[in-house]
Protein backbone atom coordinates (compact mmCIF):
# COMPACT_ATOMS: atom_id res chain seq x y z
CA MET A 1 0.00 0.00 0.00
CA ASN A 2 1.51 3.33 -1.02
CA ALA A 3 1.68 6.41 1.19
CA ALA A 4 -1.12 8.24 -0.64
CA SER A 5 -3.47 5.28 -0.17
CA ILE A 6 -2.61 5.08 3.52
CA LEU A 7 -3.27 8.80 4.00
CA LYS A 8 -6.60 8.52 2.17
CA LEU A 9 -7.61 5.54 4.33
CA MET A 10 -6.57 7.33 7.53
CA SER A 11 -8.64 10.36 6.51
CA ALA A 12 -11.70 8.18 5.82
CA LYS A 13 -11.23 6.42 9.18
CA ALA A 14 -11.06 9.78 11.00
CA GLN A 15 -14.26 10.93 9.26
CA PHE A 16 -16.01 7.67 10.21
CA GLU A 17 -14.94 8.14 13.85
CA ARG A 18 -16.32 11.72 13.84
CA ASN A 19 -19.61 10.56 12.28
CA HIS A 20 -20.07 7.55 14.58
CA PRO A 21 -18.41 8.17 17.97
CA LYS A 22 -20.68 5.76 19.88
CA PHE A 23 -19.89 2.94 17.47
CA MET A 24 -16.17 3.58 17.75
CA ALA A 25 -16.44 3.59 21.56
CA PHE A 26 -18.25 0.24 21.31
CA VAL A 27 -15.52 -1.20 19.07
CA LYS A 28 -12.80 0.03 21.43
CA ALA A 29 -14.61 -1.51 24.43
CA VAL A 30 -14.97 -4.85 22.62
CA MET A 31 -11.33 -4.83 21.53
CA SER A 32 -10.03 -3.71 24.94
CA ARG A 33 -9.50 -7.33 25.86
CA PRO A 34 -8.66 -10.36 23.76
CA MET A 35 -11.43 -12.00 21.76
CA GLU A 36 -11.93 -15.65 22.66
CA GLU A 37 -12.81 -18.61 20.49
CA GLY A 38 -16.51 -19.38 20.97
CA THR A 39 -17.52 -15.72 21.35
CA VAL A 40 -20.71 -14.94 19.41
CA MET A 41 -20.78 -11.74 17.34
CA GLU A 42 -24.13 -10.52 16.03
CA VAL A 43 -24.99 -7.76 13.54
CA THR A 44 -28.42 -6.32 12.73
CA VAL A 45 -29.08 -4.02 9.76
CA THR A 46 -32.36 -2.10 9.61
CA ARG A 47 -33.04 -0.15 6.42
CA PRO A 48 -35.76 2.50 6.39
CA GLY A 49 -39.14 0.86 5.84
CA GLU A 50 -37.75 -2.68 5.90
CA GLU A 51 -37.58 -5.50 8.41
CA PRO A 52 -34.26 -5.91 10.27
CA LEU A 53 -31.79 -8.50 9.00
CA THR A 54 -29.64 -10.20 11.63
CA ALA A 55 -26.69 -12.56 11.33
CA ASN A 56 -24.21 -13.93 13.83
CA ILE A 57 -20.99 -15.89 13.90
CA LYS A 58 -19.27 -17.98 16.53
CA VAL A 59 -15.63 -16.91 16.54
CA GLN A 60 -13.18 -19.59 15.41
CA GLN A 61 -9.40 -19.73 15.70
CA SER A 62 -9.00 -18.65 12.06
CA ASP A 63 -11.14 -15.58 12.81
CA LEU A 64 -8.84 -14.69 15.70
CA GLU A 65 -5.86 -14.93 13.36
CA LEU A 66 -7.57 -12.57 10.89
CA LEU A 67 -8.37 -10.08 13.69
CA ALA A 68 -4.72 -10.18 14.82
CA GLU A 69 -3.57 -9.41 11.26
CA LEU A 70 -6.04 -6.51 10.95
CA LYS A 71 -4.93 -5.13 14.30
CA GLU A 72 -1.31 -5.30 13.17
CA ILE A 73 -2.11 -3.53 9.90
CA SER A 74 -4.05 -0.78 11.69
CA GLY A 75 -1.11 -0.26 14.05
CA GLU A 76 1.20 0.24 11.08
CA MET A 77 -1.04 3.04 9.75
CA ARG A 78 -0.77 5.16 12.90
């Protein structure tokens, strides 16, 4: 990833954090301690005028490895 792409991504991340401070606080609280295998993560999306859609996953070891990689990448962009 080149420097211009990293700067663009960091700018978009900062805008997202300004737009959604409660969500970012939630993410920081969740990530404040290690995720464990067997943890259930659930997401609900509700579009205007539509019924909510909900999905969940039970965290597996491979998911933990992906989260560790993403955390490492995000640390490199700071």
